[in-house]
Amino acid sequence: MIIFNTTYCVPETVFEKWNGWVRGFHIPRMLETGYFSEPRLCKVLAEAEDAGDSYSLQFQAENMDTLLSWNEKFGKESENNFSREFGTEVLYFSTILEVL
């Protein structure tokens, strides 16, 4: 089992917009592709810097081939959707985790 994790640094000024986009568009879109399941949105409990709070969004994928296939078919579209909505207001990075 693979977990596809994206961590977002969200300024307070755009949190409501980001939260609505993640819950109303991004999570449903990711699930609609058929490559992921079990979305989990978490707040990172660390001292926030001036840039805002951090949030982790995780999806499960069956295996690495599934994740790579999604990335090939939908990765660029996902990045473009995010950039169109937030530009550089919200920073993010993704990590891939293997469940042991």
N, C-alpha and C. Protein backbone atom coordinates (compact mmCIF):
# COMPACT_ATOMS: atom_id res chain seq x y z
N MET A 1 0.85 -1.18 0.00
CA MET A 1 0.00 0.00 0.00
C MET A 1 0.90 1.24 0.00
N ILE A 2 0.54 2.19 -0.83
CA ILE A 2 1.27 3.44 -0.97
C ILE A 2 0.38 4.58 -0.48
N ILE A 3 0.98 5.53 0.23
CA ILE A 3 0.27 6.75 0.62
C ILE A 3 0.90 7.91 -0.14
N PHE A 4 0.05 8.62 -0.86
CA PHE A 4 0.47 9.82 -1.58
C PHE A 4 0.10 11.01 -0.70
N ASN A 5 1.10 11.66 -0.16
CA ASN A 5 0.91 12.74 0.80
C ASN A 5 1.33 14.07 0.18
N THR A 6 0.49 15.07 0.31
CA THR A 6 0.86 16.43 -0.09
C THR A 6 0.68 17.33 1.13
N THR A 7 1.74 18.06 1.45
CA THR A 7 1.72 18.99 2.57
C THR A 7 1.62 20.40 2.00
N TYR A 8 0.66 21.16 2.52
CA TYR A 8 0.39 22.52 2.06
C TYR A 8 0.69 23.51 3.18
N CYS A 9 1.31 24.62 2.85
CA CYS A 9 1.48 25.73 3.78
C CYS A 9 0.47 26.79 3.35
N VAL A 10 -0.55 26.99 4.20
CA VAL A 10 -1.70 27.81 3.82
C VAL A 10 -1.77 29.06 4.70
N PRO A 11 -1.60 30.23 4.13
CA PRO A 11 -1.77 31.46 4.90
C PRO A 11 -3.22 31.59 5.39
N GLU A 12 -3.39 32.18 6.55
CA GLU A 12 -4.74 32.36 7.11
C GLU A 12 -5.66 33.10 6.14
N THR A 13 -5.11 34.02 5.36
CA THR A 13 -5.92 34.84 4.47
C THR A 13 -6.59 34.04 3.35
N VAL A 14 -6.08 32.87 3.03
CA VAL A 14 -6.68 32.06 1.96
C VAL A 14 -7.17 30.70 2.47
N PHE A 15 -7.15 30.50 3.79
CA PHE A 15 -7.54 29.19 4.31
C PHE A 15 -8.95 28.79 3.89
N GLU A 16 -9.93 29.67 4.01
CA GLU A 16 -11.31 29.31 3.67
C GLU A 16 -11.44 28.93 2.20
N LYS A 17 -10.81 29.70 1.32
CA LYS A 17 -10.84 29.38 -0.11
C LYS A 17 -10.16 28.04 -0.37
N TRP A 18 -8.98 27.84 0.22
CA TRP A 18 -8.24 26.59 0.03
C TRP A 18 -9.02 25.39 0.57
N ASN A 19 -9.56 25.52 1.76
CA ASN A 19 -10.31 24.44 2.39
C ASN A 19 -11.53 24.06 1.53
N GLY A 20 -12.24 25.05 1.03
CA GLY A 20 -13.38 24.78 0.17
C GLY A 20 -12.96 24.10 -1.13
N TRP A 21 -11.86 24.53 -1.71
CA TRP A 21 -11.36 23.94 -2.94
C TRP A 21 -10.93 22.49 -2.71
N VAL A 22 -10.20 22.25 -1.63
CA VAL A 22 -9.72 20.89 -1.34
C VAL A 22 -10.91 19.94 -1.14
N ARG A 23 -11.86 20.35 -0.33
CA ARG A 23 -12.99 19.47 0.00
C ARG A 23 -14.02 19.38 -1.13
N GLY A 24 -14.24 20.48 -1.83
CA GLY A 24 -15.29 20.51 -2.84
C GLY A 24 -14.85 20.14 -4.24
N PHE A 25 -13.56 20.27 -4.53
CA PHE A 25 -13.08 19.98 -5.87
C PHE A 25 -11.96 18.94 -5.89
N HIS A 26 -10.88 19.22 -5.16
CA HIS A 26 -9.67 18.39 -5.29
C HIS A 26 -9.88 16.95 -4.82
N ILE A 27 -10.38 16.75 -3.62
CA ILE A 27 -10.60 15.38 -3.13
C ILE A 27 -11.57 14.63 -4.04
N PRO A 28 -12.73 15.20 -4.37
CA PRO A 28 -13.62 14.46 -5.29
C PRO A 28 -12.96 14.14 -6.63
N ARG A 29 -12.19 15.08 -7.17
CA ARG A 29 -11.53 14.85 -8.46
C ARG A 29 -10.52 13.71 -8.36
N MET A 30 -9.74 13.69 -7.30
CA MET A 30 -8.75 12.62 -7.11
C MET A 30 -9.44 11.26 -7.01
N LEU A 31 -10.55 11.20 -6.30
CA LEU A 31 -11.27 9.93 -6.15
C LEU A 31 -11.92 9.50 -7.47
N GLU A 32 -12.41 10.47 -8.24
CA GLU A 32 -13.05 10.17 -9.54
C GLU A 32 -12.09 9.51 -10.51
N THR A 33 -10.79 9.75 -10.39
CA THR A 33 -9.84 9.14 -11.31
C THR A 33 -9.79 7.63 -11.13
N GLY A 34 -10.21 7.13 -9.97
CA GLY A 34 -10.19 5.70 -9.71
C GLY A 34 -8.86 5.15 -9.23
N TYR A 35 -7.87 6.00 -9.06
CA TYR A 35 -6.55 5.56 -8.64
C TYR A 35 -6.33 5.62 -7.14
N PHE A 36 -7.17 6.34 -6.42
CA PHE A 36 -6.95 6.57 -5.00
C PHE A 36 -8.18 6.25 -4.16
N SER A 37 -7.94 6.04 -2.88
CA SER A 37 -9.03 5.85 -1.91
C SER A 37 -8.58 6.44 -0.59
N GLU A 38 -9.49 6.44 0.35
CA GLU A 38 -9.21 6.83 1.75
C GLU A 38 -8.55 8.20 1.90
N PRO A 39 -9.16 9.26 1.40
CA PRO A 39 -8.56 10.58 1.61
C PRO A 39 -8.58 10.95 3.09
N ARG A 40 -7.51 11.59 3.52
CA ARG A 40 -7.41 12.02 4.91
C ARG A 40 -6.75 13.40 4.93
N LEU A 41 -7.46 14.38 5.49
CA LEU A 41 -6.95 15.75 5.60
C LEU A 41 -6.62 16.01 7.06
N CYS A 42 -5.38 16.42 7.32
CA CYS A 42 -4.91 16.62 8.70
C CYS A 42 -4.21 17.97 8.83
N LYS A 43 -4.32 18.56 9.99
CA LYS A 43 -3.53 19.75 10.30
C LYS A 43 -2.21 19.27 10.91
N VAL A 44 -1.11 19.83 10.45
CA VAL A 44 0.20 19.50 10.99
C VAL A 44 0.37 20.26 12.30
N LEU A 45 0.61 19.52 13.36
CA LEU A 45 0.74 20.13 14.69
C LEU A 45 2.20 20.47 14.96
N ALA A 46 2.57 21.63 14.47
CA ALA A 46 3.92 22.16 14.68
C ALA A 46 3.76 23.66 14.84
N GLU A 47 4.74 24.27 15.45
CA GLU A 47 4.66 25.71 15.61
C GLU A 47 4.62 26.37 14.25
N ALA A 48 3.58 27.15 14.02
CA ALA A 48 3.41 27.82 12.74
C ALA A 48 4.36 29.00 12.64
N GLU A 49 4.91 29.15 11.46
CA GLU A 49 5.71 30.33 11.19
C GLU A 49 4.78 31.41 10.65
N ASP A 50 5.31 32.52 10.30
CA ASP A 50 4.50 33.63 9.81
C ASP A 50 3.75 33.31 8.53
N ALA A 51 4.18 32.26 7.83
CA ALA A 51 3.59 31.94 6.53
C ALA A 51 2.22 31.28 6.63
N GLY A 52 1.83 30.79 7.81
CA GLY A 52 0.54 30.14 7.96
C GLY A 52 0.67 28.74 8.52
N ASP A 53 -0.44 28.04 8.58
CA ASP A 53 -0.46 26.68 9.10
C ASP A 53 -0.21 25.68 7.97
N SER A 54 0.22 24.48 8.36
CA SER A 54 0.45 23.42 7.38
C SER A 54 -0.60 22.33 7.53
N TYR A 55 -0.96 21.75 6.38
CA TYR A 55 -1.97 20.70 6.32
C TYR A 55 -1.45 19.58 5.44
N SER A 56 -1.79 18.36 5.82
CA SER A 56 -1.39 17.18 5.08
C SER A 56 -2.64 16.53 4.48
N LEU A 57 -2.59 16.27 3.18
CA LEU A 57 -3.67 15.57 2.51
C LEU A 57 -3.10 14.25 1.98
N GLN A 58 -3.69 13.15 2.44
CA GLN A 58 -3.19 11.83 2.08
C GLN A 58 -4.24 11.02 1.35
N PHE A 59 -3.77 10.27 0.36
CA PHE A 59 -4.60 9.31 -0.37
C PHE A 59 -3.88 7.98 -0.39
N GLN A 60 -4.63 6.89 -0.39
CA GLN A 60 -4.03 5.57 -0.53
C GLN A 60 -4.10 5.14 -1.99
N ALA A 61 -3.03 4.50 -2.43
CA ALA A 61 -2.97 3.87 -3.75
C ALA A 61 -2.56 2.42 -3.54
N GLU A 62 -3.03 1.56 -4.42
CA GLU A 62 -2.77 0.13 -4.27
C GLU A 62 -1.28 -0.20 -4.28
N ASN A 63 -0.55 0.44 -5.20
CA ASN A 63 0.89 0.17 -5.31
C ASN A 63 1.55 1.33 -6.07
N MET A 64 2.86 1.22 -6.23
CA MET A 64 3.62 2.29 -6.88
C MET A 64 3.23 2.43 -8.35
N ASP A 65 2.96 1.32 -9.02
CA ASP A 65 2.55 1.39 -10.42
C ASP A 65 1.26 2.19 -10.58
N THR A 66 0.34 2.03 -9.64
CA THR A 66 -0.91 2.79 -9.67
C THR A 66 -0.64 4.28 -9.56
N LEU A 67 0.22 4.65 -8.62
CA LEU A 67 0.56 6.06 -8.44
C LEU A 67 1.26 6.62 -9.68
N LEU A 68 2.19 5.87 -10.24
CA LEU A 68 2.90 6.33 -11.43
C LEU A 68 1.96 6.48 -12.61
N SER A 69 1.01 5.57 -12.74
CA SER A 69 0.02 5.66 -13.81
C SER A 69 -0.85 6.90 -13.65
N TRP A 70 -1.30 7.17 -12.42
CA TRP A 70 -2.07 8.39 -12.17
C TRP A 70 -1.25 9.63 -12.54
N ASN A 71 0.01 9.63 -12.10
CA ASN A 71 0.85 10.79 -12.35
C ASN A 71 1.02 11.04 -13.85
N GLU A 72 1.18 9.97 -14.62
CA GLU A 72 1.33 10.10 -16.06
C GLU A 72 0.06 10.65 -16.72
N LYS A 73 -1.10 10.20 -16.24
CA LYS A 73 -2.37 10.60 -16.85
C LYS A 73 -2.93 11.91 -16.30
N PHE A 74 -2.75 12.15 -14.99
CA PHE A 74 -3.44 13.27 -14.35
C PHE A 74 -2.55 14.24 -13.57
N GLY A 75 -1.28 13.92 -13.41
CA GLY A 75 -0.40 14.74 -12.57
C GLY A 75 -0.31 16.19 -13.00
N LYS A 76 -0.09 16.40 -14.29
CA LYS A 76 0.04 17.77 -14.80
C LYS A 76 -1.28 18.54 -14.67
N GLU A 77 -2.39 17.86 -14.96
CA GLU A 77 -3.71 18.48 -14.81
C GLU A 77 -3.92 18.93 -13.36
N SER A 78 -3.54 18.08 -12.42
CA SER A 78 -3.71 18.40 -11.00
C SER A 78 -2.88 19.63 -10.62
N GLU A 79 -1.64 19.66 -11.08
CA GLU A 79 -0.78 20.82 -10.81
C GLU A 79 -1.36 22.10 -11.42
N ASN A 80 -1.85 21.98 -12.65
CA ASN A 80 -2.43 23.15 -13.32
C ASN A 80 -3.67 23.66 -12.60
N ASN A 81 -4.54 22.76 -12.15
CA ASN A 81 -5.73 23.16 -11.41
C ASN A 81 -5.35 23.92 -10.15
N PHE A 82 -4.35 23.41 -9.44
CA PHE A 82 -3.91 24.07 -8.21
C PHE A 82 -3.31 25.44 -8.51
N SER A 83 -2.44 25.51 -9.50
CA SER A 83 -1.79 26.78 -9.85
C SER A 83 -2.81 27.82 -10.29
N ARG A 84 -3.82 27.39 -11.02
CA ARG A 84 -4.86 28.31 -11.48
C ARG A 84 -5.62 28.91 -10.29
N GLU A 85 -5.85 28.12 -9.26
CA GLU A 85 -6.59 28.59 -8.09
C GLU A 85 -5.74 29.43 -7.14
N PHE A 86 -4.47 29.04 -6.92
CA PHE A 86 -3.70 29.65 -5.84
C PHE A 86 -2.37 30.26 -6.25
N GLY A 87 -1.93 30.06 -7.46
CA GLY A 87 -0.65 30.63 -7.87
C GLY A 87 0.44 30.25 -6.89
N THR A 88 1.06 31.27 -6.31
CA THR A 88 2.11 31.02 -5.31
C THR A 88 1.65 31.36 -3.89
N GLU A 89 0.35 31.58 -3.71
CA GLU A 89 -0.17 31.90 -2.38
C GLU A 89 -0.02 30.74 -1.40
N VAL A 90 -0.22 29.52 -1.90
CA VAL A 90 -0.15 28.32 -1.08
C VAL A 90 1.01 27.48 -1.61
N LEU A 91 1.96 27.21 -0.73
CA LEU A 91 3.10 26.38 -1.12
C LEU A 91 2.79 24.93 -0.77
N TYR A 92 3.38 24.00 -1.52
CA TYR A 92 3.13 22.59 -1.24
C TYR A 92 4.29 21.73 -1.71
N PHE A 93 4.38 20.54 -1.14
CA PHE A 93 5.30 19.52 -1.63
C PHE A 93 4.66 18.16 -1.38
N SER A 94 5.02 17.19 -2.20
CA SER A 94 4.44 15.86 -2.08
C SER A 94 5.50 14.85 -1.68
N THR A 95 5.07 13.84 -0.93
CA THR A 95 5.93 12.72 -0.56
C THR A 95 5.15 11.43 -0.79
N ILE A 96 5.90 10.38 -1.03
CA ILE A 96 5.31 9.06 -1.24
C ILE A 96 5.76 8.17 -0.09
N LEU A 97 4.79 7.53 0.57
CA LEU A 97 5.08 6.69 1.72
C LEU A 97 4.64 5.27 1.42
N GLU A 98 5.42 4.31 1.90
CA GLU A 98 5.05 2.90 1.76
C GLU A 98 4.62 2.38 3.13
N VAL A 99 3.44 1.81 3.18
CA VAL A 99 2.94 1.22 4.43
C VAL A 99 3.67 -0.10 4.64
N LEU A 100 4.27 -0.25 5.80
CA LEU A 100 5.01 -1.49 6.11
C LEU A 100 4.14 -2.50 6.82
